[in-house]
Amino acid sequence: MAQYVLMLLEDDDWVNKQPREEKERGYAQINKWWEDLTKTGVVKGGEELQPRRTATTVRRVNGSMKVTEGPFIESKESVGGFSIIEAPDRAAAIAIAKTWPGFGIEIREIVEQRPREG
């Protein structure tokens, strides 16, 4: 079975503008999704991330590393968390992602590292 990272996207407008009750309903659905897939052994790990305003970006600029407070890209969407799942193939991973009750998901297969010989 392959492992995939589901990068759980959030919409800043929804997070910032929804009434508290609506957010609570949304997070209850997300918690149920997480619980159900953990119980069945599909979810292998993952976590919610602090808001993107807490991000620090480190990147190479003209040969040296530059530290910038804040996210790398300004957008109305950001990665709010991640989940590591196990699925037989990409189609199955997509089917699981389609059940996500949140805003959106980016799916990436984890590269299987093979031991080096020598």
C-alpha atoms as a PDB file:
ATOM      1  CA  MET A   1       0.000   0.000   0.000  1.00  0.00           C
ATOM      2  CA  ALA A   2       1.140   3.495  -0.778  1.00  0.00           C
ATOM      3  CA  GLN A   3       1.151   6.360   1.682  1.00  0.00           C
ATOM      4  CA  TYR A   4      -0.112   9.814   0.816  1.00  0.00           C
ATOM      5  CA  VAL A   5       0.015  13.192   2.505  1.00  0.00           C
ATOM      6  CA  LEU A   6      -3.281  15.030   2.424  1.00  0.00           C
ATOM      7  CA  MET A   7      -2.551  18.722   2.835  1.00  0.00           C
ATOM      8  CA  LEU A   8      -5.734  20.062   4.397  1.00  0.00           C
ATOM      9  CA  LEU A   9      -6.532  23.441   2.914  1.00  0.00           C
ATOM     10  CA  GLU A  10      -8.471  26.148   4.650  1.00  0.00           C
ATOM     11  CA  ASP A  11     -10.176  29.219   3.268  1.00  0.00           C
ATOM     12  CA  ASP A  12      -9.206  32.325   5.237  1.00  0.00           C
ATOM     13  CA  ASP A  13     -12.521  34.013   4.409  1.00  0.00           C
ATOM     14  CA  TRP A  14     -14.450  31.096   5.911  1.00  0.00           C
ATOM     15  CA  VAL A  15     -12.234  30.967   8.998  1.00  0.00           C
ATOM     16  CA  ASN A  16     -12.436  34.716   9.597  1.00  0.00           C
ATOM     17  CA  LYS A  17     -16.043  35.472   8.637  1.00  0.00           C
ATOM     18  CA  GLN A  18     -18.186  32.526   9.731  1.00  0.00           C
ATOM     19  CA  PRO A  19     -20.236  32.776  12.911  1.00  0.00           C
ATOM     20  CA  ARG A  20     -18.883  30.752  15.833  1.00  0.00           C
ATOM     21  CA  GLU A  21     -21.740  28.219  15.597  1.00  0.00           C
ATOM     22  CA  GLU A  22     -20.992  27.536  11.917  1.00  0.00           C
ATOM     23  CA  LYS A  23     -17.297  27.034  12.675  1.00  0.00           C
ATOM     24  CA  GLU A  24     -18.149  24.641  15.504  1.00  0.00           C
ATOM     25  CA  ARG A  25     -20.354  22.585  13.147  1.00  0.00           C
ATOM     26  CA  GLY A  26     -17.579  22.521  10.552  1.00  0.00           C
ATOM     27  CA  TYR A  27     -14.933  21.427  13.030  1.00  0.00           C
ATOM     28  CA  ALA A  28     -17.256  18.754  14.447  1.00  0.00           C
ATOM     29  CA  GLN A  29     -17.550  17.244  10.949  1.00  0.00           C
ATOM     30  CA  ILE A  30     -13.788  17.416  10.490  1.00  0.00           C
ATOM     31  CA  ASN A  31     -13.186  15.729  13.878  1.00  0.00           C
ATOM     32  CA  LYS A  32     -15.632  12.938  12.963  1.00  0.00           C
ATOM     33  CA  TRP A  33     -13.885  12.397   9.603  1.00  0.00           C
ATOM     34  CA  TRP A  34     -10.535  12.184  11.396  1.00  0.00           C
ATOM     35  CA  GLU A  35     -11.861   9.782  14.061  1.00  0.00           C
ATOM     36  CA  ASP A  36     -13.591   7.493  11.560  1.00  0.00           C
ATOM     37  CA  LEU A  37     -10.529   7.143   9.322  1.00  0.00           C
ATOM     38  CA  THR A  38      -8.222   6.669  12.307  1.00  0.00           C
ATOM     39  CA  LYS A  39     -10.422   3.856  13.671  1.00  0.00           C
ATOM     40  CA  THR A  40     -10.331   2.038  10.318  1.00  0.00           C
ATOM     41  CA  GLY A  41      -6.543   2.370  10.117  1.00  0.00           C
ATOM     42  CA  VAL A  42      -6.522   4.603   7.027  1.00  0.00           C
ATOM     43  CA  VAL A  43      -5.067   7.628   8.844  1.00  0.00           C
ATOM     44  CA  LYS A  44      -1.508   6.964   9.975  1.00  0.00           C
ATOM     45  CA  GLY A  45      -0.790  10.386  11.439  1.00  0.00           C
ATOM     46  CA  GLY A  46      -1.165  14.096  10.977  1.00  0.00           C
ATOM     47  CA  GLU A  47      -1.784  17.317  12.796  1.00  0.00           C
ATOM     48  CA  GLU A  48      -3.495  20.677  12.625  1.00  0.00           C
ATOM     49  CA  LEU A  49      -1.105  23.575  12.023  1.00  0.00           C
ATOM     50  CA  GLN A  50      -0.988  26.968  13.702  1.00  0.00           C
ATOM     51  CA  PRO A  51      -2.472  29.785  11.578  1.00  0.00           C
ATOM     52  CA  ARG A  52      -0.347  30.891   8.637  1.00  0.00           C
ATOM     53  CA  ARG A  53       0.234  34.275  10.261  1.00  0.00           C
ATOM     54  CA  THR A  54       2.636  32.393  12.588  1.00  0.00           C
ATOM     55  CA  ALA A  55       4.709  31.041   9.668  1.00  0.00           C
ATOM     56  CA  THR A  56       8.358  31.765   9.048  1.00  0.00           C
ATOM     57  CA  THR A  57       9.740  31.117   5.560  1.00  0.00           C
ATOM     58  CA  VAL A  58      13.379  30.276   4.895  1.00  0.00           C
ATOM     59  CA  ARG A  59      14.503  30.250   1.246  1.00  0.00           C
ATOM     60  CA  ARG A  60      17.614  30.611  -0.827  1.00  0.00           C
ATOM     61  CA  VAL A  61      18.026  34.042  -2.420  1.00  0.00           C
ATOM     62  CA  ASN A  62      21.167  34.782  -4.447  1.00  0.00           C
ATOM     63  CA  GLY A  63      23.043  31.891  -2.849  1.00  0.00           C
ATOM     64  CA  SER A  64      22.246  32.602   0.792  1.00  0.00           C
ATOM     65  CA  MET A  65      19.338  31.681   3.023  1.00  0.00           C
ATOM     66  CA  LYS A  66      16.890  34.463   3.778  1.00  0.00           C
ATOM     67  CA  VAL A  67      14.406  34.343   6.678  1.00  0.00           C
ATOM     68  CA  THR A  68      11.054  36.046   6.195  1.00  0.00           C
ATOM     69  CA  GLU A  69       8.343  36.300   8.806  1.00  0.00           C
ATOM     70  CA  GLY A  70       5.066  35.077   7.381  1.00  0.00           C
ATOM     71  CA  PRO A  71       4.015  32.609   4.708  1.00  0.00           C
ATOM     72  CA  PHE A  72       5.887  32.166   1.431  1.00  0.00           C
ATOM     73  CA  ILE A  73       2.845  32.955  -0.716  1.00  0.00           C
ATOM     74  CA  GLU A  74       0.065  35.412   0.050  1.00  0.00           C
ATOM     75  CA  SER A  75      -3.297  33.895  -0.793  1.00  0.00           C
ATOM     76  CA  LYS A  76      -6.754  33.361   0.644  1.00  0.00           C
ATOM     77  CA  GLU A  77      -6.018  29.654   1.037  1.00  0.00           C
ATOM     78  CA  SER A  78      -3.415  27.971   3.179  1.00  0.00           C
ATOM     79  CA  VAL A  79      -2.473  24.556   4.522  1.00  0.00           C
ATOM     80  CA  GLY A  80      -4.209  24.259   7.873  1.00  0.00           C
ATOM     81  CA  GLY A  81      -3.005  20.758   8.645  1.00  0.00           C
ATOM     82  CA  PHE A  82      -1.968  17.463   7.156  1.00  0.00           C
ATOM     83  CA  SER A  83      -2.878  13.828   7.335  1.00  0.00           C
ATOM     84  CA  ILE A  84      -0.848  10.791   6.353  1.00  0.00           C
ATOM     85  CA  ILE A  85      -3.039   8.055   4.933  1.00  0.00           C
ATOM     86  CA  GLU A  86      -2.479   4.619   3.493  1.00  0.00           C
ATOM     87  CA  ALA A  87      -4.355   3.639   0.340  1.00  0.00           C
ATOM     88  CA  PRO A  88      -3.930   0.954  -2.320  1.00  0.00           C
ATOM     89  CA  ASP A  89      -3.544   3.527  -5.115  1.00  0.00           C
ATOM     90  CA  ARG A  90      -4.052   7.170  -6.122  1.00  0.00           C
ATOM     91  CA  ALA A  91      -7.695   6.596  -7.052  1.00  0.00           C
ATOM     92  CA  ALA A  92      -8.407   5.300  -3.548  1.00  0.00           C
ATOM     93  CA  ALA A  93      -6.562   8.286  -2.025  1.00  0.00           C
ATOM     94  CA  ILE A  94      -8.694  10.632  -4.139  1.00  0.00           C
ATOM     95  CA  ALA A  95     -11.857   8.822  -3.015  1.00  0.00           C
ATOM     96  CA  ILE A  96     -10.817   9.325   0.615  1.00  0.00           C
ATOM     97  CA  ALA A  97     -10.012  13.000  -0.040  1.00  0.00           C
ATOM     98  CA  LYS A  98     -13.482  13.487  -1.540  1.00  0.00           C
ATOM     99  CA  THR A  99     -15.000  12.618   1.848  1.00  0.00           C
ATOM    100  CA  TRP A 100     -13.159  15.521   3.542  1.00  0.00           C
ATOM    101  CA  PRO A 101     -15.783  17.868   5.011  1.00  0.00           C
ATOM    102  CA  GLY A 102     -13.443  20.867   4.977  1.00  0.00           C
ATOM    103  CA  PHE A 103     -12.513  23.335   2.232  1.00  0.00           C
ATOM    104  CA  GLY A 104     -10.080  21.356   0.089  1.00  0.00           C
ATOM    105  CA  ILE A 105      -7.184  18.920  -0.037  1.00  0.00           C
ATOM    106  CA  GLU A 106      -3.959  18.596  -1.987  1.00  0.00           C
ATOM    107  CA  ILE A 107      -2.819  14.975  -2.321  1.00  0.00           C
ATOM    108  CA  ARG A 108       0.797  13.893  -2.707  1.00  0.00           C
ATOM    109  CA  GLU A 109       2.210  10.399  -2.618  1.00  0.00           C
ATOM    110  CA  ILE A 110       5.078   9.890  -0.181  1.00  0.00           C
ATOM    111  CA  VAL A 111       8.305   8.802  -1.854  1.00  0.00           C
ATOM    112  CA  GLU A 112       9.266   5.379  -0.595  1.00  0.00           C
ATOM    113  CA  GLN A 113      12.911   5.531   0.448  1.00  0.00           C
ATOM    114  CA  ARG A 114      14.899   2.421  -0.347  1.00  0.00           C
ATOM    115  CA  PRO A 115      17.939   1.536   1.754  1.00  0.00           C
ATOM    116  CA  ARG A 116      21.230   2.402   0.035  1.00  0.00           C
ATOM    117  CA  GLU A 117      23.565  -0.421  -0.796  1.00  0.00           C
ATOM    118  CA  GLY A 118      27.188  -0.276   0.070  1.00  0.00           C
END
